[in-house]
PDB file of N, CA and C in Angstrom:
ATOM      1  N   MET A   1       0.870  -1.217  -0.064  1.00  0.00           N
ATOM      2  CA  MET A   1       0.033  -0.037   0.038  1.00  0.00           C
ATOM      3  C   MET A   1       0.788   1.228   0.013  1.00  0.00           C
ATOM      4  N   LYS A   2       0.434   2.223  -0.847  1.00  0.00           N
ATOM      5  CA  LYS A   2       1.287   3.492  -0.875  1.00  0.00           C
ATOM      6  C   LYS A   2       1.179   4.158   0.571  1.00  0.00           C
ATOM      7  N   PRO A   3       2.205   4.835   0.876  1.00  0.00           N
ATOM      8  CA  PRO A   3       2.348   5.544   2.086  1.00  0.00           C
ATOM      9  C   PRO A   3       1.254   6.894   2.024  1.00  0.00           C
ATOM     10  N   VAL A   4       0.819   7.197   3.198  1.00  0.00           N
ATOM     11  CA  VAL A   4      -0.037   8.432   3.198  1.00  0.00           C
ATOM     12  C   VAL A   4       0.828   9.513   3.751  1.00  0.00           C
ATOM     13  N   VAL A   5       0.517  10.673   3.222  1.00  0.00           N
ATOM     14  CA  VAL A   5       1.235  11.939   3.533  1.00  0.00           C
ATOM     15  C   VAL A   5       0.203  12.936   4.069  1.00  0.00           C
ATOM     16  N   LYS A   6       0.717  13.629   5.233  1.00  0.00           N
ATOM     17  CA  LYS A   6      -0.170  14.617   5.670  1.00  0.00           C
ATOM     18  C   LYS A   6       0.858  16.143   5.762  1.00  0.00           C
ATOM     19  N   GLU A   7       0.409  17.063   5.300  1.00  0.00           N
ATOM     20  CA  GLU A   7       1.278  18.219   5.300  1.00  0.00           C
ATOM     21  C   GLU A   7       0.963  19.199   6.525  1.00  0.00           C
ATOM     22  N   PHE A   8       1.855  19.691   6.963  1.00  0.00           N
ATOM     23  CA  PHE A   8       1.714  20.711   8.238  1.00  0.00           C
ATOM     24  C   PHE A   8       2.531  22.010   7.983  1.00  0.00           C
ATOM     25  N   LYS A   9       1.996  23.008   8.470  1.00  0.00           N
ATOM     26  CA  LYS A   9       2.905  24.265   8.482  1.00  0.00           C
ATOM     27  C   LYS A   9       3.244  24.333   9.878  1.00  0.00           C
ATOM     28  N   ASP A  10       2.445  23.793  10.909  1.00  0.00           N
ATOM     29  CA  ASP A  10       2.695  24.022  12.344  1.00  0.00           C
ATOM     30  C   ASP A  10       3.220  22.792  12.904  1.00  0.00           C
ATOM     31  N   ASP A  11       4.309  22.789  13.757  1.00  0.00           N
ATOM     32  CA  ASP A  11       4.726  21.639  14.241  1.00  0.00           C
ATOM     33  C   ASP A  11       3.922  21.074  15.365  1.00  0.00           C
ATOM     34  N   THR A  12       3.143  22.049  16.103  1.00  0.00           N
ATOM     35  CA  THR A  12       2.058  21.514  17.122  1.00  0.00           C
ATOM     36  C   THR A  12       1.030  20.635  16.414  1.00  0.00           C
ATOM     37  N   GLU A  13       0.437  21.054  15.309  1.00  0.00           N
ATOM     38  CA  GLU A  13      -0.490  20.230  14.660  1.00  0.00           C
ATOM     39  C   GLU A  13       0.090  18.858  14.313  1.00  0.00           C
ATOM     40  N   LEU A  14       1.170  18.802  13.772  1.00  0.00           N
ATOM     41  CA  LEU A  14       1.952  17.562  13.475  1.00  0.00           C
ATOM     42  C   LEU A  14       1.926  16.705  14.691  1.00  0.00           C
ATOM     43  N   MET A  15       2.439  17.297  15.798  1.00  0.00           N
ATOM     44  CA  MET A  15       2.542  16.553  17.003  1.00  0.00           C
ATOM     45  C   MET A  15       1.227  15.993  17.381  1.00  0.00           C
ATOM     46  N   LYS A  16       0.243  16.764  17.336  1.00  0.00           N
ATOM     47  CA  LYS A  16      -1.137  16.136  17.816  1.00  0.00           C
ATOM     48  C   LYS A  16      -1.470  14.940  16.768  1.00  0.00           C
ATOM     49  N   GLU A  17      -1.269  15.081  15.354  1.00  0.00           N
ATOM     50  CA  GLU A  17      -1.436  13.982  14.549  1.00  0.00           C
ATOM     51  C   GLU A  17      -0.697  12.805  14.975  1.00  0.00           C
ATOM     52  N   VAL A  18       0.411  12.836  15.443  1.00  0.00           N
ATOM     53  CA  VAL A  18       1.390  11.837  15.654  1.00  0.00           C
ATOM     54  C   VAL A  18       0.647  10.918  16.935  1.00  0.00           C
ATOM     55  N   LYS A  19       0.340  11.725  17.875  1.00  0.00           N
ATOM     56  CA  LYS A  19      -0.269  11.276  19.026  1.00  0.00           C
ATOM     57  C   LYS A  19      -1.608  10.509  18.788  1.00  0.00           C
ATOM     58  N   SER A  20      -2.345  10.984  17.875  1.00  0.00           N
ATOM     59  CA  SER A  20      -3.693  10.454  17.421  1.00  0.00           C
ATOM     60  C   SER A  20      -3.319   9.181  16.756  1.00  0.00           C
ATOM     61  N   LEU A  21      -2.421   9.148  16.033  1.00  0.00           N
ATOM     62  CA  LEU A  21      -2.044   7.940  15.061  1.00  0.00           C
ATOM     63  C   LEU A  21      -1.464   6.844  16.058  1.00  0.00           C
ATOM     64  N   SER A  22      -0.598   7.355  17.023  1.00  0.00           N
ATOM     65  CA  SER A  22      -0.154   6.450  18.077  1.00  0.00           C
ATOM     66  C   SER A  22      -1.187   5.762  18.780  1.00  0.00           C
ATOM     67  N   GLU A  23      -2.309   6.472  19.223  1.00  0.00           N
ATOM     68  CA  GLU A  23      -3.267   6.031  20.034  1.00  0.00           C
ATOM     69  C   GLU A  23      -4.060   5.059  19.209  1.00  0.00           C
ATOM     70  N   LYS A  24      -4.093   4.950  17.866  1.00  0.00           N
ATOM     71  CA  LYS A  24      -4.639   4.112  16.916  1.00  0.00           C
ATOM     72  C   LYS A  24      -3.883   2.876  16.622  1.00  0.00           C
ATOM     73  N   GLY A  25      -2.700   2.838  17.362  1.00  0.00           N
ATOM     74  CA  GLY A  25      -1.794   1.628  17.145  1.00  0.00           C
ATOM     75  C   GLY A  25      -0.849   1.780  15.994  1.00  0.00           C
ATOM     76  N   ILE A  26      -0.593   2.782  15.431  1.00  0.00           N
ATOM     77  CA  ILE A  26       0.433   2.969  14.429  1.00  0.00           C
ATOM     78  C   ILE A  26       1.810   3.173  15.120  1.00  0.00           C
ATOM     79  N   SER A  27       2.684   2.280  14.739  1.00  0.00           N
ATOM     80  CA  SER A  27       3.927   2.347  15.412  1.00  0.00           C
ATOM     81  C   SER A  27       4.830   3.658  14.946  1.00  0.00           C
ATOM     82  N   LYS A  28       5.768   4.081  15.746  1.00  0.00           N
ATOM     83  CA  LYS A  28       6.561   5.163  15.344  1.00  0.00           C
ATOM     84  C   LYS A  28       7.527   4.580  14.150  1.00  0.00           C
ATOM     85  N   ASP A  29       7.811   3.292  14.123  1.00  0.00           N
ATOM     86  CA  ASP A  29       8.505   2.801  12.962  1.00  0.00           C
ATOM     87  C   ASP A  29       8.048   3.145  11.756  1.00  0.00           C
ATOM     88  N   ASN A  30       6.737   3.409  11.557  1.00  0.00           N
ATOM     89  CA  ASN A  30       5.974   3.585  10.301  1.00  0.00           C
ATOM     90  C   ASN A  30       5.554   5.107  10.075  1.00  0.00           C
ATOM     91  N   LEU A  31       6.077   5.960  10.961  1.00  0.00           N
ATOM     92  CA  LEU A  31       5.808   7.408  10.956  1.00  0.00           C
ATOM     93  C   LEU A  31       7.137   8.176  10.750  1.00  0.00           C
ATOM     94  N   TYR A  32       7.144   8.781   9.619  1.00  0.00           N
ATOM     95  CA  TYR A  32       8.434   9.668   9.297  1.00  0.00           C
ATOM     96  C   TYR A  32       8.168  11.028   9.232  1.00  0.00           C
ATOM     97  N   VAL A  33       8.982  11.803   9.715  1.00  0.00           N
ATOM     98  CA  VAL A  33       8.900  13.349   9.514  1.00  0.00           C
ATOM     99  C   VAL A  33       9.976  13.730   8.690  1.00  0.00           C
ATOM    100  N   MET A  34       9.505  14.643   7.695  1.00  0.00           N
ATOM    101  CA  MET A  34      10.486  15.099   6.831  1.00  0.00           C
ATOM    102  C   MET A  34      10.401  16.596   6.558  1.00  0.00           C
ATOM    103  N   SER A  35      11.412  17.320   6.576  1.00  0.00           N
ATOM    104  CA  SER A  35      11.256  18.804   6.188  1.00  0.00           C
ATOM    105  C   SER A  35      12.550  19.043   5.564  1.00  0.00           C
ATOM    106  N   HIS A  36      12.761  20.404   5.026  1.00  0.00           N
ATOM    107  CA  HIS A  36      13.952  20.719   4.185  1.00  0.00           C
ATOM    108  C   HIS A  36      14.881  21.168   5.192  1.00  0.00           C
ATOM    109  N   ASP A  37      14.804  21.391   6.509  1.00  0.00           N
ATOM    110  CA  ASP A  37      15.622  21.803   7.432  1.00  0.00           C
ATOM    111  C   ASP A  37      15.981  20.548   8.352  1.00  0.00           C
ATOM    112  N   ASP A  38      17.190  19.878   8.299  1.00  0.00           N
ATOM    113  CA  ASP A  38      17.560  18.900   9.312  1.00  0.00           C
ATOM    114  C   ASP A  38      17.410  19.171  10.585  1.00  0.00           C
ATOM    115  N   ASP A  39      17.687  20.261  11.302  1.00  0.00           N
ATOM    116  CA  ASP A  39      17.447  20.648  12.420  1.00  0.00           C
ATOM    117  C   ASP A  39      16.018  20.560  12.933  1.00  0.00           C
ATOM    118  N   ARG A  40      15.109  21.039  12.054  1.00  0.00           N
ATOM    119  CA  ARG A  40      13.618  21.055  12.311  1.00  0.00           C
ATOM    120  C   ARG A  40      13.244  19.534  12.206  1.00  0.00           C
ATOM    121  N   THR A  41      13.810  18.894  11.270  1.00  0.00           N
ATOM    122  CA  THR A  41      13.274  17.410  11.219  1.00  0.00           C
ATOM    123  C   THR A  41      13.617  16.618  12.460  1.00  0.00           C
ATOM    124  N   ASP A  42      14.930  16.858  12.876  1.00  0.00           N
ATOM    125  CA  ASP A  42      15.377  16.133  13.929  1.00  0.00           C
ATOM    126  C   ASP A  42      14.642  16.564  15.311  1.00  0.00           C
ATOM    127  N   ARG A  43      14.335  17.851  15.589  1.00  0.00           N
ATOM    128  CA  ARG A  43      13.711  18.467  16.691  1.00  0.00           C
ATOM    129  C   ARG A  43      12.173  17.859  16.687  1.00  0.00           C
ATOM    130  N   VAL A  44      11.603  17.866  15.555  1.00  0.00           N
ATOM    131  CA  VAL A  44      10.053  17.440  15.602  1.00  0.00           C
ATOM    132  C   VAL A  44       9.977  15.975  15.780  1.00  0.00           C
ATOM    133  N   ALA A  45      10.896  15.339  14.954  1.00  0.00           N
ATOM    134  CA  ALA A  45      10.808  13.816  15.020  1.00  0.00           C
ATOM    135  C   ALA A  45      11.039  13.164  16.649  1.00  0.00           C
ATOM    136  N   ASP A  46      12.118  13.915  17.178  1.00  0.00           N
ATOM    137  CA  ASP A  46      12.524  13.585  18.445  1.00  0.00           C
ATOM    138  C   ASP A  46      11.363  13.903  19.540  1.00  0.00           C
ATOM    139  N   SER A  47      10.685  15.134  19.419  1.00  0.00           N
ATOM    140  CA  SER A  47       9.607  15.437  20.251  1.00  0.00           C
ATOM    141  C   SER A  47       8.446  14.703  20.104  1.00  0.00           C
ATOM    142  N   VAL A  48       8.101  14.101  19.057  1.00  0.00           N
ATOM    143  CA  VAL A  48       6.868  13.425  18.889  1.00  0.00           C
ATOM    144  C   VAL A  48       7.259  11.818  18.921  1.00  0.00           C
ATOM    145  N   ASP A  49       8.431  11.426  19.017  1.00  0.00           N
ATOM    146  CA  ASP A  49       8.937  10.015  18.944  1.00  0.00           C
ATOM    147  C   ASP A  49       8.463   9.402  17.646  1.00  0.00           C
ATOM    148  N   ALA A  50       8.712  10.165  16.565  1.00  0.00           N
ATOM    149  CA  ALA A  50       8.663   9.529  15.098  1.00  0.00           C
ATOM    150  C   ALA A  50      10.095   9.381  14.588  1.00  0.00           C
ATOM    151  N   SER A  51      10.065   8.736  13.257  1.00  0.00           N
ATOM    152  CA  SER A  51      11.238   8.362  12.875  1.00  0.00           C
ATOM    153  C   SER A  51      11.705   9.343  11.627  1.00  0.00           C
ATOM    154  N   LYS A  52      13.046   9.401  11.174  1.00  0.00           N
ATOM    155  CA  LYS A  52      13.489  10.059  10.211  1.00  0.00           C
ATOM    156  C   LYS A  52      13.988   9.040   9.190  1.00  0.00           C
ATOM    157  N   VAL A  53      13.960   9.311   7.914  1.00  0.00           N
ATOM    158  CA  VAL A  53      14.517   8.509   6.953  1.00  0.00           C
ATOM    159  C   VAL A  53      15.878   8.450   7.132  1.00  0.00           C
ATOM    160  N   GLY A  54      16.612   7.128   7.042  1.00  0.00           N
ATOM    161  CA  GLY A  54      17.928   6.986   7.283  1.00  0.00           C
ATOM    162  C   GLY A  54      18.460   5.738   6.472  1.00  0.00           C
ATOM    163  N   MET A  55      19.603   5.231   6.901  1.00  0.00           N
ATOM    164  CA  MET A  55      20.278   4.229   6.180  1.00  0.00           C
ATOM    165  C   MET A  55      19.334   2.889   6.090  1.00  0.00           C
ATOM    166  N   LYS A  56      18.674   2.559   7.172  1.00  0.00           N
ATOM    167  CA  LYS A  56      17.637   1.390   7.151  1.00  0.00           C
ATOM    168  C   LYS A  56      16.794   1.462   5.973  1.00  0.00           C
ATOM    169  N   GLU A  57      16.137   2.743   5.802  1.00  0.00           N
ATOM    170  CA  GLU A  57      15.063   3.044   4.681  1.00  0.00           C
ATOM    171  C   GLU A  57      15.765   3.003   3.337  1.00  0.00           C
ATOM    172  N   GLU A  58      16.797   3.744   3.309  1.00  0.00           N
ATOM    173  CA  GLU A  58      17.403   4.033   1.963  1.00  0.00           C
ATOM    174  C   GLU A  58      18.128   2.907   1.397  1.00  0.00           C
ATOM    175  N   GLY A  59      18.999   2.093   2.241  1.00  0.00           N
ATOM    176  CA  GLY A  59      19.994   1.288   1.868  1.00  0.00           C
ATOM    177  C   GLY A  59      21.326   1.964   1.823  1.00  0.00           C
ATOM    178  N   PHE A  60      22.276   1.246   2.090  1.00  0.00           N
ATOM    179  CA  PHE A  60      23.673   1.870   2.128  1.00  0.00           C
ATOM    180  C   PHE A  60      24.044   2.706   1.030  1.00  0.00           C
ATOM    181  N   GLY A  61      23.934   2.011  -0.312  1.00  0.00           N
ATOM    182  CA  GLY A  61      24.310   2.852  -1.443  1.00  0.00           C
ATOM    183  C   GLY A  61      23.636   4.172  -1.680  1.00  0.00           C
ATOM    184  N   THR A  62      22.392   4.336  -1.487  1.00  0.00           N
ATOM    185  CA  THR A  62      21.676   5.461  -1.544  1.00  0.00           C
ATOM    186  C   THR A  62      21.984   6.402  -0.438  1.00  0.00           C
ATOM    187  N   TYR A  63      22.103   5.876   0.794  1.00  0.00           N
ATOM    188  CA  TYR A  63      22.515   6.685   1.940  1.00  0.00           C
ATOM    189  C   TYR A  63      23.975   7.424   1.699  1.00  0.00           C
ATOM    190  N   VAL A  64      24.719   6.668   1.190  1.00  0.00           N
ATOM    191  CA  VAL A  64      26.196   7.342   0.862  1.00  0.00           C
ATOM    192  C   VAL A  64      26.033   8.229  -0.128  1.00  0.00           C
ATOM    193  N   SER A  65      25.320   7.882  -1.281  1.00  0.00           N
ATOM    194  CA  SER A  65      25.140   8.844  -2.330  1.00  0.00           C
ATOM    195  C   SER A  65      24.498  10.225  -1.925  1.00  0.00           C
ATOM    196  N   ASN A  66      23.668  10.062  -1.030  1.00  0.00           N
ATOM    197  CA  ASN A  66      22.747  11.150  -0.528  1.00  0.00           C
ATOM    198  C   ASN A  66      23.662  12.244   0.291  1.00  0.00           C
ATOM    199  N   ILE A  67      24.755  11.679   0.918  1.00  0.00           N
ATOM    200  CA  ILE A  67      25.573  12.431   1.686  1.00  0.00           C
ATOM    201  C   ILE A  67      26.346  13.656   0.651  1.00  0.00           C
ATOM    202  N   PHE A  68      26.436  13.285  -0.648  1.00  0.00           N
ATOM    203  CA  PHE A  68      27.184  14.071  -1.521  1.00  0.00           C
ATOM    204  C   PHE A  68      26.063  14.921  -2.378  1.00  0.00           C
ATOM    205  N   SER A  69      24.839  14.617  -2.135  1.00  0.00           N
ATOM    206  CA  SER A  69      23.725  15.314  -2.966  1.00  0.00           C
ATOM    207  C   SER A  69      23.401  16.631  -2.401  1.00  0.00           C
ATOM    208  N   LYS A  70      22.575  17.410  -3.201  1.00  0.00           N
ATOM    209  CA  LYS A  70      22.032  18.453  -2.862  1.00  0.00           C
ATOM    210  C   LYS A  70      20.736  18.076  -1.683  1.00  0.00           C
ATOM    211  N   LYS A  71      20.265  19.071  -1.060  1.00  0.00           N
ATOM    212  CA  LYS A  71      19.222  18.660  -0.102  1.00  0.00           C
ATOM    213  C   LYS A  71      18.084  18.286  -0.905  1.00  0.00           C
ATOM    214  N   GLY A  72      17.618  18.943  -1.872  1.00  0.00           N
ATOM    215  CA  GLY A  72      16.359  18.530  -2.686  1.00  0.00           C
ATOM    216  C   GLY A  72      16.425  17.230  -3.382  1.00  0.00           C
ATOM    217  N   ASP A  73      17.622  16.862  -3.868  1.00  0.00           N
ATOM    218  CA  ASP A  73      17.926  15.622  -4.507  1.00  0.00           C
ATOM    219  C   ASP A  73      17.913  14.371  -3.259  1.00  0.00           C
ATOM    220  N   GLU A  74      18.458  14.858  -2.210  1.00  0.00           N
ATOM    221  CA  GLU A  74      18.436  13.696  -1.081  1.00  0.00           C
ATOM    222  C   GLU A  74      16.983  13.693  -0.643  1.00  0.00           C
ATOM    223  N   LEU A  75      16.030  14.515  -0.684  1.00  0.00           N
ATOM    224  CA  LEU A  75      14.767  14.461  -0.088  1.00  0.00           C
ATOM    225  C   LEU A  75      13.955  13.719  -1.074  1.00  0.00           C
ATOM    226  N   ARG A  76      14.134  13.870  -2.380  1.00  0.00           N
ATOM    227  CA  ARG A  76      13.440  13.160  -3.318  1.00  0.00           C
ATOM    228  C   ARG A  76      13.698  11.493  -3.400  1.00  0.00           C
ATOM    229  N   SER A  77      15.155  11.480  -3.397  1.00  0.00           N
ATOM    230  CA  SER A  77      15.535  10.042  -3.116  1.00  0.00           C
ATOM    231  C   SER A  77      15.076   9.405  -2.010  1.00  0.00           C
ATOM    232  N   GLN A  78      15.004   9.863  -0.994  1.00  0.00           N
ATOM    233  CA  GLN A  78      14.270   9.445   0.309  1.00  0.00           C
ATOM    234  C   GLN A  78      12.811   9.061   0.021  1.00  0.00           C
ATOM    235  N   MET A  79      11.957   9.950  -0.499  1.00  0.00           N
ATOM    236  CA  MET A  79      10.734   9.783  -0.880  1.00  0.00           C
ATOM    237  C   MET A  79      10.502   8.609  -1.746  1.00  0.00           C
ATOM    238  N   LYS A  80      11.409   8.438  -2.838  1.00  0.00           N
ATOM    239  CA  LYS A  80      11.193   7.369  -3.721  1.00  0.00           C
ATOM    240  C   LYS A  80      11.674   6.017  -3.060  1.00  0.00           C
ATOM    241  N   GLU A  81      12.377   6.049  -1.993  1.00  0.00           N
ATOM    242  CA  GLU A  81      12.739   4.771  -1.198  1.00  0.00           C
ATOM    243  C   GLU A  81      11.578   4.420  -0.482  1.00  0.00           C
ATOM    244  N   LEU A  82      10.543   5.486   0.031  1.00  0.00           N
ATOM    245  CA  LEU A  82       9.523   5.265   0.783  1.00  0.00           C
ATOM    246  C   LEU A  82       8.328   4.576  -0.063  1.00  0.00           C
ATOM    247  N   GLY A  83       8.602   4.769  -1.402  1.00  0.00           N
ATOM    248  CA  GLY A  83       7.472   4.259  -2.150  1.00  0.00           C
ATOM    249  C   GLY A  83       6.741   5.272  -3.098  1.00  0.00           C
ATOM    250  N   PHE A  84       7.112   6.514  -3.100  1.00  0.00           N
ATOM    251  CA  PHE A  84       6.554   7.457  -4.051  1.00  0.00           C
ATOM    252  C   PHE A  84       7.229   7.393  -5.460  1.00  0.00           C
ATOM    253  N   THR A  85       6.463   7.902  -6.516  1.00  0.00           N
ATOM    254  CA  THR A  85       6.866   8.029  -7.768  1.00  0.00           C
ATOM    255  C   THR A  85       7.795   9.186  -7.802  1.00  0.00           C
ATOM    256  N   GLN A  86       8.470   9.448  -8.923  1.00  0.00           N
ATOM    257  CA  GLN A  86       9.423  10.554  -9.064  1.00  0.00           C
ATOM    258  C   GLN A  86       8.631  11.744  -9.159  1.00  0.00           C
ATOM    259  N   ALA A  87       7.396  11.853  -9.740  1.00  0.00           N
ATOM    260  CA  ALA A  87       6.360  13.116  -9.917  1.00  0.00           C
ATOM    261  C   ALA A  87       6.084  13.379  -8.592  1.00  0.00           C
ATOM    262  N   GLU A  88       5.658  12.393  -7.725  1.00  0.00           N
ATOM    263  CA  GLU A  88       5.053  12.599  -6.305  1.00  0.00           C
ATOM    264  C   GLU A  88       6.315  13.199  -5.621  1.00  0.00           C
ATOM    265  N   ALA A  89       7.390  12.670  -5.650  1.00  0.00           N
ATOM    266  CA  ALA A  89       8.629  13.087  -4.877  1.00  0.00           C
ATOM    267  C   ALA A  89       8.941  14.431  -5.203  1.00  0.00           C
ATOM    268  N   ASP A  90       8.768  14.934  -6.408  1.00  0.00           N
ATOM    269  CA  ASP A  90       9.033  16.215  -7.091  1.00  0.00           C
ATOM    270  C   ASP A  90       8.052  17.269  -6.508  1.00  0.00           C
ATOM    271  N   ASP A  91       6.921  16.912  -6.371  1.00  0.00           N
ATOM    272  CA  ASP A  91       5.638  17.631  -5.806  1.00  0.00           C
ATOM    273  C   ASP A  91       5.954  17.969  -4.370  1.00  0.00           C
ATOM    274  N   TYR A  92       6.169  16.923  -3.626  1.00  0.00           N
ATOM    275  CA  TYR A  92       6.380  17.055  -2.087  1.00  0.00           C
ATOM    276  C   TYR A  92       7.733  17.802  -1.789  1.00  0.00           C
ATOM    277  N   GLU A  93       8.578  17.636  -2.563  1.00  0.00           N
ATOM    278  CA  GLU A  93       9.941  18.333  -2.419  1.00  0.00           C
ATOM    279  C   GLU A  93       9.804  19.923  -2.404  1.00  0.00           C
ATOM    280  N   GLU A  94       9.008  20.179  -3.484  1.00  0.00           N
ATOM    281  CA  GLU A  94       8.589  21.525  -3.779  1.00  0.00           C
ATOM    282  C   GLU A  94       7.785  22.242  -2.570  1.00  0.00           C
ATOM    283  N   LYS A  95       6.882  21.336  -2.070  1.00  0.00           N
ATOM    284  CA  LYS A  95       6.176  21.811  -0.706  1.00  0.00           C
ATOM    285  C   LYS A  95       7.070  22.044   0.475  1.00  0.00           C
ATOM    286  N   LEU A  96       8.046  21.054   0.484  1.00  0.00           N
ATOM    287  CA  LEU A  96       9.302  21.207   1.592  1.00  0.00           C
ATOM    288  C   LEU A  96       9.933  22.556   1.455  1.00  0.00           C
ATOM    289  N   ASP A  97      10.267  22.834   0.258  1.00  0.00           N
ATOM    290  CA  ASP A  97      11.013  24.090  -0.108  1.00  0.00           C
ATOM    291  C   ASP A  97      10.204  25.330   0.428  1.00  0.00           C
ATOM    292  N   GLN A  98       8.909  25.282   0.539  1.00  0.00           N
ATOM    293  CA  GLN A  98       8.003  26.427   1.040  1.00  0.00           C
ATOM    294  C   GLN A  98       7.720  26.243   2.441  1.00  0.00           C
ATOM    295  N   GLY A  99       8.373  25.331   3.232  1.00  0.00           N
ATOM    296  CA  GLY A  99       8.488  25.330   4.574  1.00  0.00           C
ATOM    297  C   GLY A  99       7.402  24.299   5.156  1.00  0.00           C
ATOM    298  N   THR A 100       6.647  23.607   4.373  1.00  0.00           N
ATOM    299  CA  THR A 100       5.787  22.463   4.765  1.00  0.00           C
ATOM    300  C   THR A 100       6.490  21.420   5.505  1.00  0.00           C
ATOM    301  N   ILE A 101       6.038  20.855   6.446  1.00  0.00           N
ATOM    302  CA  ILE A 101       6.662  19.591   7.114  1.00  0.00           C
ATOM    303  C   ILE A 101       5.728  18.522   6.871  1.00  0.00           C
ATOM    304  N   LEU A 102       6.286  17.310   6.428  1.00  0.00           N
ATOM    305  CA  LEU A 102       5.447  16.122   6.103  1.00  0.00           C
ATOM    306  C   LEU A 102       5.545  15.227   7.324  1.00  0.00           C
ATOM    307  N   LEU A 103       4.341  14.411   7.296  1.00  0.00           N
ATOM    308  CA  LEU A 103       4.258  13.370   8.194  1.00  0.00           C
ATOM    309  C   LEU A 103       4.007  12.179   7.247  1.00  0.00           C
ATOM    310  N   ILE A 104       4.919  11.057   7.156  1.00  0.00           N
ATOM    311  CA  ILE A 104       4.467   9.994   6.188  1.00  0.00           C
ATOM    312  C   ILE A 104       4.348   8.894   7.038  1.00  0.00           C
ATOM    313  N   ASN A 105       3.074   8.223   6.756  1.00  0.00           N
ATOM    314  CA  ASN A 105       2.742   6.871   7.398  1.00  0.00           C
ATOM    315  C   ASN A 105       2.883   5.759   6.404  1.00  0.00           C
ATOM    316  N   THR A 106       3.903   4.924   6.548  1.00  0.00           N
ATOM    317  CA  THR A 106       4.087   3.906   5.700  1.00  0.00           C
ATOM    318  C   THR A 106       3.292   2.879   5.873  1.00  0.00           C
ATOM    319  N   LYS A 107       2.376   2.730   6.861  1.00  0.00           N
ATOM    320  CA  LYS A 107       1.458   1.592   7.243  1.00  0.00           C
ATOM    321  C   LYS A 107       0.065   2.090   7.487  1.00  0.00           C
ATOM    322  N   PRO A 108      -0.542   2.740   6.589  1.00  0.00           N
ATOM    323  CA  PRO A 108      -1.804   3.398   6.757  1.00  0.00           C
ATOM    324  C   PRO A 108      -2.906   2.399   7.142  1.00  0.00           C
ATOM    325  N   ASP A 109      -2.702   1.046   6.701  1.00  0.00           N
ATOM    326  CA  ASP A 109      -3.861   0.132   6.785  1.00  0.00           C
ATOM    327  C   ASP A 109      -3.809  -0.530   8.143  1.00  0.00           C
ATOM    328  N   VAL A 110      -2.971  -0.148   9.050  1.00  0.00           N
ATOM    329  CA  VAL A 110      -2.813  -0.860  10.203  1.00  0.00           C
ATOM    330  C   VAL A 110      -3.934  -0.521  11.297  1.00  0.00           C
TER     331      VAL A 110
END
């Protein structure tokens, strides 16, 4: 099943959504926070006990390749590893450029 994405401008609203999903039994291992700012991603993911896309999700080769990529390329690559098409990854990365933070649920059917 394709991941479900919710877009947020406000970190507090995202935190409420993570809490709601957790109460419904969605594991933090299936919830990913993504923003264009690594510090914001780290801060929000840590505060809501959600995950960040890393080597486990990307695979070693993609992870190493992303170290040398521009941020937009890295984010699009991570989204493709989570199951999005190139067009979807491009659209979401553009929204990230505009300050949106994404909450990606990779197991929405749970």
